[in-house]
Amino acid sequence: MRKSKMVLKNRIIGLLVVCVLLLGLSATAVAGNETVDAVNFTLYAYQGDWESDPVARATNNNTFYMGIYTMSRDGVKARVWTESLLGTNFSDPYGNTVGAAEGKYYNYDTKPSIGTNVVLNMDASIYLSYSVTGVGLWSPY
């Protein structure tokens, strides 16, 4: 009897933790002033690009950040750049690359103002006949 109470107690605690995490994520999504975004991305075969959801800038820095935790293929680098919601580039679409287990800061060519929604774009830095998936973190700062 005692063991079943412990199992029930652990399940309730686990459920409460999940509820709190979901509540926190939904509050962040509604806030509109998010400055960091976790991304699950795909670098599509034959140079198709991937775009993030827009993230609002919170500072006046001249940099954005992209870090990649893992990628499904070793040795692949992602080309990263930023643009406006209308597709105007804020940064160089050819000069910025990052690979797995790397994080880098990049300069804007045209610095967006505070509150501007910025979209991260990614594609493979070389022509690939296969797609590559990955997980990372980015911020328009």
N, C-alpha and C. Protein backbone atom coordinates (compact mmCIF):
# COMPACT_ATOMS: atom_id res chain seq x y z
N MET A 1 0.83 -1.20 0.00
CA MET A 1 0.00 0.00 0.00
C MET A 1 0.87 1.26 0.00
N ARG A 2 1.93 1.22 0.77
CA ARG A 2 2.79 2.40 0.88
C ARG A 2 3.48 2.73 -0.45
N LYS A 3 3.91 1.68 -1.18
CA LYS A 3 4.59 1.89 -2.44
C LYS A 3 3.64 2.54 -3.46
N SER A 4 2.37 2.14 -3.49
CA SER A 4 1.43 2.72 -4.44
C SER A 4 1.16 4.19 -4.14
N LYS A 5 1.21 4.58 -2.86
CA LYS A 5 1.03 5.99 -2.50
C LYS A 5 2.22 6.81 -3.01
N MET A 6 3.43 6.24 -2.91
CA MET A 6 4.63 6.95 -3.40
C MET A 6 4.57 7.12 -4.92
N VAL A 7 4.13 6.07 -5.63
CA VAL A 7 4.02 6.14 -7.07
C VAL A 7 3.01 7.21 -7.46
N LEU A 8 1.86 7.22 -6.78
CA LEU A 8 0.83 8.22 -7.06
C LEU A 8 1.35 9.63 -6.76
N LYS A 9 2.05 9.77 -5.66
CA LYS A 9 2.61 11.07 -5.29
C LYS A 9 3.61 11.55 -6.35
N ASN A 10 4.48 10.66 -6.82
CA ASN A 10 5.47 11.02 -7.84
C ASN A 10 4.78 11.39 -9.16
N ARG A 11 3.72 10.69 -9.50
CA ARG A 11 2.99 11.02 -10.73
C ARG A 11 2.33 12.39 -10.63
N ILE A 12 1.77 12.69 -9.48
CA ILE A 12 1.14 13.99 -9.28
C ILE A 12 2.18 15.11 -9.35
N ILE A 13 3.33 14.90 -8.73
CA ILE A 13 4.40 15.89 -8.78
C ILE A 13 4.87 16.08 -10.22
N GLY A 14 5.05 14.99 -10.95
CA GLY A 14 5.46 15.08 -12.35
C GLY A 14 4.44 15.83 -13.19
N LEU A 15 3.17 15.57 -12.97
CA LEU A 15 2.11 16.26 -13.70
C LEU A 15 2.11 17.74 -13.38
N LEU A 16 2.32 18.09 -12.12
CA LEU A 16 2.39 19.51 -11.74
C LEU A 16 3.57 20.22 -12.40
N VAL A 17 4.71 19.55 -12.47
CA VAL A 17 5.89 20.14 -13.12
C VAL A 17 5.60 20.40 -14.60
N VAL A 18 4.98 19.43 -15.28
CA VAL A 18 4.64 19.60 -16.69
C VAL A 18 3.66 20.76 -16.87
N CYS A 19 2.66 20.86 -15.98
CA CYS A 19 1.69 21.96 -16.07
C CYS A 19 2.36 23.31 -15.90
N VAL A 20 3.27 23.42 -14.95
CA VAL A 20 3.97 24.68 -14.71
C VAL A 20 4.83 25.04 -15.92
N LEU A 21 5.54 24.06 -16.50
CA LEU A 21 6.35 24.32 -17.68
C LEU A 21 5.49 24.77 -18.86
N LEU A 22 4.38 24.11 -19.09
CA LEU A 22 3.50 24.50 -20.19
C LEU A 22 2.93 25.89 -19.98
N LEU A 23 2.57 26.22 -18.75
CA LEU A 23 2.05 27.54 -18.44
C LEU A 23 3.12 28.60 -18.70
N GLY A 24 4.35 28.31 -18.32
CA GLY A 24 5.44 29.25 -18.56
C GLY A 24 5.71 29.46 -20.03
N LEU A 25 5.68 28.38 -20.82
CA LEU A 25 5.90 28.50 -22.26
C LEU A 25 4.78 29.28 -22.93
N SER A 26 3.55 29.05 -22.52
CA SER A 26 2.45 29.78 -23.15
C SER A 26 2.49 31.25 -22.76
N ALA A 27 2.90 31.57 -21.55
CA ALA A 27 3.01 32.97 -21.15
C ALA A 27 4.09 33.67 -21.95
N THR A 28 5.20 32.98 -22.21
CA THR A 28 6.27 33.57 -23.02
C THR A 28 5.80 33.82 -24.44
N ALA A 29 5.06 32.89 -25.00
CA ALA A 29 4.60 33.04 -26.37
C ALA A 29 3.64 34.20 -26.52
N VAL A 30 2.84 34.47 -25.49
CA VAL A 30 1.86 35.55 -25.54
C VAL A 30 2.50 36.90 -25.27
N ALA A 31 3.61 36.90 -24.54
CA ALA A 31 4.21 38.16 -24.10
C ALA A 31 4.64 39.05 -25.26
N GLY A 32 5.15 38.48 -26.35
CA GLY A 32 5.53 39.26 -27.51
C GLY A 32 6.87 39.96 -27.39
N ASN A 33 7.56 39.84 -26.27
CA ASN A 33 8.86 40.46 -26.12
C ASN A 33 9.95 39.42 -25.92
N GLU A 34 9.71 38.26 -26.46
CA GLU A 34 10.65 37.15 -26.37
C GLU A 34 11.93 37.51 -27.10
N THR A 35 13.09 37.19 -26.51
CA THR A 35 14.35 37.52 -27.16
C THR A 35 15.19 36.31 -27.47
N VAL A 36 14.78 35.13 -27.04
CA VAL A 36 15.51 33.90 -27.32
C VAL A 36 14.52 32.87 -27.81
N ASP A 37 14.91 32.09 -28.80
CA ASP A 37 14.01 31.10 -29.37
C ASP A 37 14.76 29.79 -29.58
N ALA A 38 14.24 28.70 -29.01
CA ALA A 38 14.77 27.37 -29.30
C ALA A 38 14.22 26.95 -30.65
N VAL A 39 15.07 26.35 -31.48
CA VAL A 39 14.64 25.97 -32.82
C VAL A 39 14.96 24.52 -33.13
N ASN A 40 14.01 23.86 -33.74
CA ASN A 40 14.21 22.57 -34.39
C ASN A 40 14.16 22.87 -35.87
N PHE A 41 15.26 22.65 -36.57
CA PHE A 41 15.34 23.09 -37.95
C PHE A 41 15.68 21.95 -38.90
N THR A 42 15.43 22.18 -40.17
CA THR A 42 15.83 21.26 -41.23
C THR A 42 16.55 22.05 -42.31
N LEU A 43 17.77 21.62 -42.61
CA LEU A 43 18.51 22.16 -43.75
C LEU A 43 18.15 21.26 -44.92
N TYR A 44 17.30 21.76 -45.79
CA TYR A 44 16.73 20.93 -46.84
C TYR A 44 17.74 20.61 -47.94
N ALA A 45 17.58 19.45 -48.53
CA ALA A 45 18.42 19.05 -49.66
C ALA A 45 18.27 20.05 -50.80
N TYR A 46 19.33 20.20 -51.56
CA TYR A 46 19.34 21.06 -52.75
C TYR A 46 19.10 22.53 -52.42
N GLN A 47 19.61 22.97 -51.26
CA GLN A 47 19.67 24.38 -50.88
C GLN A 47 18.34 25.05 -50.55
N GLY A 48 17.33 24.30 -50.17
CA GLY A 48 16.11 24.94 -49.69
C GLY A 48 16.37 25.54 -48.32
N ASP A 49 15.87 26.74 -48.04
CA ASP A 49 16.15 27.35 -46.74
C ASP A 49 15.01 27.12 -45.76
N TRP A 50 15.36 27.24 -44.49
CA TRP A 50 14.44 27.09 -43.36
C TRP A 50 14.32 28.45 -42.69
N GLU A 51 13.12 28.81 -42.22
CA GLU A 51 12.91 30.08 -41.53
C GLU A 51 12.29 29.84 -40.16
N SER A 52 12.77 30.61 -39.18
CA SER A 52 12.22 30.52 -37.82
C SER A 52 10.94 31.34 -37.72
N ASP A 53 10.26 31.17 -36.61
CA ASP A 53 9.19 32.10 -36.26
C ASP A 53 9.83 33.44 -35.94
N PRO A 54 9.11 34.54 -36.12
CA PRO A 54 9.69 35.85 -35.80
C PRO A 54 9.93 36.01 -34.29
N VAL A 55 11.00 36.68 -33.96
CA VAL A 55 11.34 36.98 -32.56
C VAL A 55 11.63 38.47 -32.46
N ALA A 56 11.06 39.13 -31.47
CA ALA A 56 11.23 40.58 -31.31
C ALA A 56 12.58 40.90 -30.66
N ARG A 57 13.23 41.93 -31.18
CA ARG A 57 14.50 42.41 -30.58
C ARG A 57 14.21 43.18 -29.30
N ALA A 58 15.07 42.99 -28.30
CA ALA A 58 14.87 43.66 -27.02
C ALA A 58 15.99 44.64 -26.69
N THR A 59 17.08 44.62 -27.45
CA THR A 59 18.21 45.51 -27.16
C THR A 59 18.62 46.26 -28.42
N ASN A 60 19.56 47.14 -28.28
CA ASN A 60 20.08 47.91 -29.40
C ASN A 60 21.43 47.39 -29.87
N ASN A 61 21.81 46.17 -29.46
CA ASN A 61 23.07 45.57 -29.89
C ASN A 61 23.11 45.46 -31.41
N ASN A 62 24.31 45.40 -31.95
CA ASN A 62 24.46 45.22 -33.39
C ASN A 62 24.72 43.75 -33.74
N THR A 63 24.35 42.83 -32.86
CA THR A 63 24.62 41.41 -33.10
C THR A 63 23.38 40.55 -32.90
N PHE A 64 23.42 39.38 -33.55
CA PHE A 64 22.47 38.32 -33.23
C PHE A 64 23.28 37.07 -32.93
N TYR A 65 22.64 36.08 -32.29
CA TYR A 65 23.33 34.88 -31.85
C TYR A 65 22.66 33.65 -32.44
N MET A 66 23.47 32.67 -32.85
CA MET A 66 22.96 31.37 -33.25
C MET A 66 23.88 30.30 -32.69
N GLY A 67 23.29 29.36 -31.97
CA GLY A 67 24.02 28.22 -31.45
C GLY A 67 23.32 26.93 -31.86
N ILE A 68 24.10 25.95 -32.28
CA ILE A 68 23.54 24.66 -32.65
C ILE A 68 24.03 23.61 -31.66
N TYR A 69 23.08 22.92 -31.06
CA TYR A 69 23.43 21.85 -30.12
C TYR A 69 23.81 20.58 -30.88
N THR A 70 22.90 20.12 -31.72
CA THR A 70 23.12 18.87 -32.44
C THR A 70 22.61 18.97 -33.87
N MET A 71 23.21 18.14 -34.73
CA MET A 71 22.74 18.00 -36.11
C MET A 71 22.77 16.52 -36.46
N SER A 72 21.89 16.12 -37.38
CA SER A 72 21.77 14.70 -37.72
C SER A 72 22.94 14.17 -38.56
N ARG A 73 23.76 15.04 -39.09
CA ARG A 73 24.94 14.63 -39.86
C ARG A 73 26.15 15.40 -39.36
N ASP A 74 27.26 14.69 -39.17
CA ASP A 74 28.51 15.33 -38.74
C ASP A 74 29.13 16.12 -39.88
N GLY A 75 29.83 17.19 -39.53
CA GLY A 75 30.61 17.94 -40.49
C GLY A 75 29.84 18.95 -41.34
N VAL A 76 28.53 19.02 -41.17
CA VAL A 76 27.73 19.97 -41.95
C VAL A 76 27.69 21.31 -41.23
N LYS A 77 27.86 22.37 -41.96
CA LYS A 77 27.72 23.72 -41.42
C LYS A 77 26.45 24.35 -41.97
N ALA A 78 25.80 25.12 -41.13
CA ALA A 78 24.61 25.86 -41.56
C ALA A 78 25.01 27.29 -41.87
N ARG A 79 24.46 27.81 -42.92
CA ARG A 79 24.60 29.23 -43.23
C ARG A 79 23.43 29.93 -42.56
N VAL A 80 23.68 31.01 -41.82
CA VAL A 80 22.63 31.69 -41.07
C VAL A 80 22.60 33.18 -41.41
N TRP A 81 21.40 33.73 -41.51
CA TRP A 81 21.23 35.16 -41.73
C TRP A 81 19.86 35.56 -41.22
N THR A 82 19.63 36.85 -41.11
CA THR A 82 18.38 37.37 -40.57
C THR A 82 17.69 38.25 -41.60
N GLU A 83 16.38 38.33 -41.45
CA GLU A 83 15.61 39.20 -42.35
C GLU A 83 14.37 39.72 -41.64
N SER A 84 13.73 40.68 -42.28
CA SER A 84 12.49 41.26 -41.75
C SER A 84 11.32 40.33 -42.12
N LEU A 85 10.15 40.67 -41.61
CA LEU A 85 8.95 39.90 -41.95
C LEU A 85 8.61 40.03 -43.44
N LEU A 86 9.11 41.09 -44.07
CA LEU A 86 8.86 41.30 -45.50
C LEU A 86 9.94 40.68 -46.38
N GLY A 87 10.97 40.06 -45.77
CA GLY A 87 12.01 39.38 -46.53
C GLY A 87 13.25 40.19 -46.83
N THR A 88 13.35 41.41 -46.29
CA THR A 88 14.54 42.23 -46.47
C THR A 88 15.64 41.72 -45.55
N ASN A 89 16.84 41.47 -46.09
CA ASN A 89 17.94 40.95 -45.28
C ASN A 89 18.46 42.00 -44.30
N PHE A 90 18.62 41.58 -43.04
CA PHE A 90 19.29 42.41 -42.04
C PHE A 90 20.77 42.04 -41.95
N SER A 91 21.13 40.84 -42.40
CA SER A 91 22.52 40.39 -42.32
C SER A 91 22.88 39.61 -43.59
N ASP A 92 24.17 39.39 -43.75
CA ASP A 92 24.73 38.74 -44.94
C ASP A 92 24.25 37.29 -45.06
N PRO A 93 23.60 36.93 -46.16
CA PRO A 93 23.13 35.56 -46.30
C PRO A 93 24.22 34.57 -46.72
N TYR A 94 25.45 35.01 -46.92
CA TYR A 94 26.50 34.11 -47.40
C TYR A 94 27.70 33.99 -46.47
N GLY A 95 27.92 34.92 -45.57
CA GLY A 95 29.16 34.92 -44.82
C GLY A 95 29.14 34.30 -43.44
N ASN A 96 27.99 33.92 -42.94
CA ASN A 96 27.89 33.45 -41.55
C ASN A 96 27.57 31.96 -41.51
N THR A 97 28.47 31.15 -40.95
CA THR A 97 28.22 29.72 -40.82
C THR A 97 28.43 29.27 -39.38
N VAL A 98 27.71 28.20 -39.01
CA VAL A 98 27.82 27.62 -37.68
C VAL A 98 27.56 26.12 -37.80
N GLY A 99 28.26 25.33 -37.01
CA GLY A 99 28.09 23.88 -37.02
C GLY A 99 27.62 23.36 -35.68
N ALA A 100 27.51 22.05 -35.58
CA ALA A 100 27.07 21.42 -34.34
C ALA A 100 28.05 21.74 -33.21
N ALA A 101 27.50 21.92 -32.02
CA ALA A 101 28.27 22.23 -30.80
C ALA A 101 29.02 23.55 -30.92
N GLU A 102 28.46 24.49 -31.69
CA GLU A 102 29.03 25.82 -31.83
C GLU A 102 27.97 26.87 -31.54
N GLY A 103 28.42 27.99 -31.04
CA GLY A 103 27.57 29.15 -30.87
C GLY A 103 28.34 30.39 -31.25
N LYS A 104 27.74 31.26 -32.04
CA LYS A 104 28.48 32.43 -32.52
C LYS A 104 27.57 33.65 -32.55
N TYR A 105 28.21 34.81 -32.38
CA TYR A 105 27.55 36.10 -32.54
C TYR A 105 27.91 36.64 -33.92
N TYR A 106 26.93 37.22 -34.59
CA TYR A 106 27.13 37.77 -35.93
C TYR A 106 26.64 39.21 -35.95
N ASN A 107 27.26 40.03 -36.79
CA ASN A 107 26.85 41.43 -36.91
C ASN A 107 25.71 41.58 -37.92
N TYR A 108 24.84 42.53 -37.63
CA TYR A 108 23.83 42.94 -38.60
C TYR A 108 24.48 43.87 -39.61
N ASP A 109 24.09 43.78 -40.86
CA ASP A 109 24.47 44.78 -41.86
C ASP A 109 23.56 45.99 -41.74
N THR A 110 22.29 45.72 -41.51
CA THR A 110 21.29 46.76 -41.24
C THR A 110 20.66 46.40 -39.90
N LYS A 111 20.95 47.20 -38.88
CA LYS A 111 20.50 46.86 -37.53
C LYS A 111 19.02 47.17 -37.36
N PRO A 112 18.19 46.14 -37.03
CA PRO A 112 16.77 46.41 -36.76
C PRO A 112 16.61 47.12 -35.42
N SER A 113 15.58 47.93 -35.30
CA SER A 113 15.35 48.67 -34.07
C SER A 113 14.73 47.76 -33.00
N ILE A 114 14.75 48.24 -31.77
CA ILE A 114 14.16 47.50 -30.65
C ILE A 114 12.69 47.26 -30.94
N GLY A 115 12.23 46.04 -30.68
CA GLY A 115 10.83 45.67 -30.91
C GLY A 115 10.54 45.12 -32.29
N THR A 116 11.50 45.26 -33.22
CA THR A 116 11.31 44.74 -34.57
C THR A 116 11.33 43.21 -34.55
N ASN A 117 10.39 42.60 -35.24
CA ASN A 117 10.39 41.14 -35.36
C ASN A 117 11.41 40.73 -36.41
N VAL A 118 12.27 39.79 -36.02
CA VAL A 118 13.35 39.32 -36.87
C VAL A 118 13.17 37.83 -37.12
N VAL A 119 13.42 37.40 -38.35
CA VAL A 119 13.31 35.99 -38.73
C VAL A 119 14.72 35.47 -39.00
N LEU A 120 15.03 34.30 -38.44
CA LEU A 120 16.30 33.63 -38.72
C LEU A 120 16.11 32.72 -39.92
N ASN A 121 17.03 32.79 -40.87
CA ASN A 121 17.05 31.89 -42.03
C ASN A 121 18.27 31.00 -41.93
N MET A 122 18.12 29.77 -42.39
CA MET A 122 19.23 28.83 -42.40
C MET A 122 19.17 27.98 -43.67
N ASP A 123 20.34 27.63 -44.18
CA ASP A 123 20.43 26.59 -45.18
C ASP A 123 21.82 25.97 -45.07
N ALA A 124 22.03 24.88 -45.79
CA ALA A 124 23.34 24.22 -45.75
C ALA A 124 24.37 25.11 -46.45
N SER A 125 25.57 25.13 -45.90
CA SER A 125 26.61 25.99 -46.49
C SER A 125 27.18 25.41 -47.78
N ILE A 126 26.89 24.14 -48.05
CA ILE A 126 27.30 23.52 -49.31
C ILE A 126 26.09 22.80 -49.90
N TYR A 127 26.15 22.50 -51.16
CA TYR A 127 25.06 21.82 -51.86
C TYR A 127 24.99 20.37 -51.37
N LEU A 128 23.85 19.97 -50.80
CA LEU A 128 23.67 18.61 -50.28
C LEU A 128 22.54 17.91 -51.00
N SER A 129 22.68 16.62 -51.21
CA SER A 129 21.62 15.83 -51.83
C SER A 129 20.71 15.20 -50.78
N TYR A 130 20.92 15.54 -49.52
CA TYR A 130 20.11 15.02 -48.41
C TYR A 130 19.81 16.15 -47.44
N SER A 131 18.75 15.98 -46.67
CA SER A 131 18.38 16.99 -45.66
C SER A 131 19.06 16.67 -44.34
N VAL A 132 19.29 17.71 -43.55
CA VAL A 132 19.92 17.58 -42.24
C VAL A 132 19.03 18.27 -41.22
N THR A 133 18.75 17.59 -40.12
CA THR A 133 17.94 18.19 -39.05
C THR A 133 18.85 18.58 -37.90
N GLY A 134 18.35 19.48 -37.07
CA GLY A 134 19.13 19.91 -35.93
C GLY A 134 18.31 20.64 -34.89
N VAL A 135 18.97 20.92 -33.77
CA VAL A 135 18.35 21.65 -32.65
C VAL A 135 19.32 22.75 -32.24
N GLY A 136 18.78 23.93 -32.00
CA GLY A 136 19.64 25.03 -31.60
C GLY A 136 18.90 26.10 -30.85
N LEU A 137 19.57 27.21 -30.65
CA LEU A 137 19.04 28.35 -29.92
C LEU A 137 19.50 29.60 -30.64
N TRP A 138 18.59 30.57 -30.80
CA TRP A 138 19.01 31.80 -31.45
C TRP A 138 18.36 32.99 -30.78
N SER A 139 18.97 34.15 -30.94
CA SER A 139 18.43 35.38 -30.40
C SER A 139 18.79 36.54 -31.31
N PRO A 140 17.78 37.41 -31.60
CA PRO A 140 18.10 38.61 -32.38
C PRO A 140 18.68 39.72 -31.52
N TYR A 141 18.72 39.52 -30.19
CA TYR A 141 19.15 40.53 -29.23
C TYR A 141 18.59 41.84 -29.62
